[in-house]
Amino acid sequence: MAIIVLGVSFLIEFLQLTSFLETLSLQHNTYAQLIFGNTFHISDLIAYVLGVITIIGIESKRTVIA
């Protein structure tokens, strides 16, 4: 599940490099801008990867303990 979430996060982040909101005529929609964002940052990708690594680490330790 964590890998799927990471994939969706990367997809949305890379879509921010394009004008996909304009293509869908949603460039002025506040909710679309809030959900999809409008600026690409490599630091976001790093944060997503670190978050998924953390969750996988916690889950693997929980499985061993349980």
N, C-alpha and C. Protein backbone atom coordinates (compact mmCIF):
# COMPACT_ATOMS: atom_id res chain seq x y z
N MET A 1 0.83 -1.19 0.00
CA MET A 1 0.00 0.00 0.00
C MET A 1 0.88 1.26 0.00
N ALA A 2 1.98 1.20 0.75
CA ALA A 2 2.87 2.36 0.83
C ALA A 2 3.46 2.67 -0.54
N ILE A 3 3.77 1.65 -1.32
CA ILE A 3 4.34 1.86 -2.65
C ILE A 3 3.31 2.48 -3.59
N ILE A 4 2.06 2.08 -3.45
CA ILE A 4 0.99 2.68 -4.26
C ILE A 4 0.83 4.15 -3.92
N VAL A 5 0.84 4.46 -2.64
CA VAL A 5 0.73 5.86 -2.20
C VAL A 5 1.91 6.66 -2.74
N LEU A 6 3.11 6.08 -2.70
CA LEU A 6 4.29 6.76 -3.23
C LEU A 6 4.13 7.00 -4.74
N GLY A 7 3.61 6.01 -5.44
CA GLY A 7 3.40 6.17 -6.88
C GLY A 7 2.41 7.28 -7.21
N VAL A 8 1.31 7.33 -6.47
CA VAL A 8 0.32 8.39 -6.68
C VAL A 8 0.92 9.75 -6.35
N SER A 9 1.70 9.83 -5.29
CA SER A 9 2.34 11.08 -4.91
C SER A 9 3.30 11.57 -5.99
N PHE A 10 4.10 10.64 -6.53
CA PHE A 10 5.03 10.99 -7.60
C PHE A 10 4.26 11.44 -8.84
N LEU A 11 3.17 10.73 -9.16
CA LEU A 11 2.37 11.09 -10.33
C LEU A 11 1.84 12.52 -10.20
N ILE A 12 1.26 12.83 -9.06
CA ILE A 12 0.72 14.17 -8.85
C ILE A 12 1.83 15.21 -8.89
N GLU A 13 2.95 14.90 -8.27
CA GLU A 13 4.07 15.86 -8.25
C GLU A 13 4.59 16.11 -9.67
N PHE A 14 4.73 15.06 -10.48
CA PHE A 14 5.21 15.26 -11.84
C PHE A 14 4.16 15.92 -12.73
N LEU A 15 2.89 15.72 -12.44
CA LEU A 15 1.85 16.44 -13.17
C LEU A 15 1.95 17.94 -12.95
N GLN A 16 2.51 18.33 -11.81
CA GLN A 16 2.67 19.75 -11.52
C GLN A 16 3.68 20.41 -12.46
N LEU A 17 4.52 19.61 -13.12
CA LEU A 17 5.45 20.14 -14.11
C LEU A 17 4.74 20.52 -15.40
N THR A 18 3.54 20.00 -15.60
CA THR A 18 2.79 20.25 -16.83
C THR A 18 1.67 21.26 -16.53
N SER A 19 0.93 21.56 -17.54
CA SER A 19 -0.22 22.47 -17.37
C SER A 19 -1.52 21.66 -17.36
N PHE A 20 -1.52 20.57 -16.60
CA PHE A 20 -2.68 19.68 -16.62
C PHE A 20 -3.94 20.32 -16.06
N LEU A 21 -3.82 21.23 -15.10
CA LEU A 21 -5.02 21.91 -14.60
C LEU A 21 -5.62 22.81 -15.68
N GLU A 22 -4.77 23.43 -16.47
CA GLU A 22 -5.27 24.24 -17.59
C GLU A 22 -5.92 23.35 -18.64
N THR A 23 -5.32 22.20 -18.89
CA THR A 23 -5.87 21.26 -19.87
C THR A 23 -7.27 20.83 -19.46
N LEU A 24 -7.49 20.67 -18.17
CA LEU A 24 -8.81 20.26 -17.66
C LEU A 24 -9.70 21.45 -17.32
N SER A 25 -9.23 22.67 -17.64
CA SER A 25 -9.95 23.93 -17.35
C SER A 25 -10.22 24.09 -15.86
N LEU A 26 -9.26 23.69 -15.04
CA LEU A 26 -9.41 23.80 -13.59
C LEU A 26 -8.39 24.77 -12.97
N GLN A 27 -7.74 25.59 -13.79
CA GLN A 27 -6.69 26.46 -13.29
C GLN A 27 -7.20 27.50 -12.29
N HIS A 28 -8.49 27.80 -12.31
CA HIS A 28 -9.05 28.77 -11.38
C HIS A 28 -9.87 28.11 -10.27
N ASN A 29 -9.87 26.79 -10.24
CA ASN A 29 -10.62 26.06 -9.22
C ASN A 29 -9.76 25.93 -7.97
N THR A 30 -10.20 26.53 -6.89
CA THR A 30 -9.43 26.53 -5.65
C THR A 30 -9.21 25.13 -5.12
N TYR A 31 -10.22 24.28 -5.18
CA TYR A 31 -10.09 22.92 -4.66
C TYR A 31 -9.10 22.10 -5.48
N ALA A 32 -9.13 22.24 -6.79
CA ALA A 32 -8.19 21.51 -7.64
C ALA A 32 -6.76 21.97 -7.36
N GLN A 33 -6.57 23.26 -7.19
CA GLN A 33 -5.23 23.77 -6.87
C GLN A 33 -4.78 23.29 -5.50
N LEU A 34 -5.69 23.20 -4.56
CA LEU A 34 -5.36 22.73 -3.22
C LEU A 34 -4.97 21.25 -3.24
N ILE A 35 -5.73 20.44 -3.96
CA ILE A 35 -5.48 19.01 -4.00
C ILE A 35 -4.25 18.67 -4.83
N PHE A 36 -4.14 19.26 -6.01
CA PHE A 36 -3.05 18.90 -6.92
C PHE A 36 -1.84 19.81 -6.80
N GLY A 37 -2.01 20.97 -6.22
CA GLY A 37 -0.90 21.91 -6.13
C GLY A 37 -0.59 22.49 -7.50
N ASN A 38 0.37 23.39 -7.53
CA ASN A 38 0.71 23.98 -8.82
C ASN A 38 2.20 24.24 -8.98
N THR A 39 3.01 23.79 -8.03
CA THR A 39 4.46 23.96 -8.17
C THR A 39 5.16 22.65 -7.85
N PHE A 40 6.16 22.34 -8.65
CA PHE A 40 6.95 21.12 -8.48
C PHE A 40 8.14 21.43 -7.59
N HIS A 41 8.40 20.58 -6.60
CA HIS A 41 9.58 20.70 -5.75
C HIS A 41 10.20 19.33 -5.57
N ILE A 42 11.48 19.21 -5.87
CA ILE A 42 12.18 17.93 -5.68
C ILE A 42 12.19 17.56 -4.20
N SER A 43 12.16 18.54 -3.33
CA SER A 43 12.16 18.26 -1.89
C SER A 43 10.88 17.52 -1.48
N ASP A 44 9.78 17.74 -2.19
CA ASP A 44 8.55 17.00 -1.90
C ASP A 44 8.75 15.52 -2.20
N LEU A 45 9.41 15.21 -3.31
CA LEU A 45 9.66 13.81 -3.67
C LEU A 45 10.54 13.13 -2.62
N ILE A 46 11.54 13.86 -2.15
CA ILE A 46 12.42 13.31 -1.11
C ILE A 46 11.63 13.06 0.17
N ALA A 47 10.75 13.99 0.53
CA ALA A 47 9.93 13.82 1.73
C ALA A 47 8.99 12.63 1.59
N TYR A 48 8.42 12.43 0.41
CA TYR A 48 7.53 11.28 0.19
C TYR A 48 8.29 9.97 0.37
N VAL A 49 9.49 9.90 -0.22
CA VAL A 49 10.30 8.68 -0.12
C VAL A 49 10.69 8.41 1.33
N LEU A 50 11.13 9.44 2.03
CA LEU A 50 11.52 9.26 3.44
C LEU A 50 10.31 8.83 4.29
N GLY A 51 9.15 9.38 4.00
CA GLY A 51 7.95 9.00 4.73
C GLY A 51 7.58 7.54 4.50
N VAL A 52 7.67 7.09 3.26
CA VAL A 52 7.34 5.70 2.94
C VAL A 52 8.36 4.76 3.57
N ILE A 53 9.64 5.13 3.53
CA ILE A 53 10.67 4.30 4.17
C ILE A 53 10.39 4.19 5.67
N THR A 54 10.02 5.29 6.28
CA THR A 54 9.71 5.28 7.72
C THR A 54 8.52 4.36 8.02
N ILE A 55 7.47 4.48 7.24
CA ILE A 55 6.28 3.65 7.45
C ILE A 55 6.59 2.18 7.24
N ILE A 56 7.33 1.85 6.19
CA ILE A 56 7.69 0.46 5.94
C ILE A 56 8.55 -0.07 7.09
N GLY A 57 9.47 0.75 7.59
CA GLY A 57 10.29 0.34 8.73
C GLY A 57 9.47 0.08 9.98
N ILE A 58 8.55 0.97 10.28
CA ILE A 58 7.68 0.80 11.45
C ILE A 58 6.81 -0.43 11.31
N GLU A 59 6.23 -0.61 10.13
CA GLU A 59 5.36 -1.77 9.90
C GLU A 59 6.14 -3.08 9.98
N SER A 60 7.36 -3.10 9.49
CA SER A 60 8.14 -4.34 9.53
C SER A 60 8.52 -4.68 10.98
N LYS A 61 8.79 -3.68 11.80
CA LYS A 61 9.10 -3.93 13.21
C LYS A 61 7.85 -4.37 13.98
N ARG A 62 6.70 -3.80 13.63
CA ARG A 62 5.44 -4.20 14.26
C ARG A 62 5.12 -5.65 13.94
N THR A 63 5.40 -6.07 12.73
CA THR A 63 5.12 -7.45 12.31
C THR A 63 6.00 -8.42 13.05
N VAL A 64 7.27 -8.06 13.25
CA VAL A 64 8.21 -8.93 13.96
C VAL A 64 7.80 -9.06 15.43
N ILE A 65 7.39 -7.95 16.05
CA ILE A 65 7.01 -7.94 17.46
C ILE A 65 5.71 -8.73 17.67
N ALA A 66 4.76 -8.56 16.76
CA ALA A 66 3.46 -9.21 16.91
C ALA A 66 3.55 -10.64 16.56
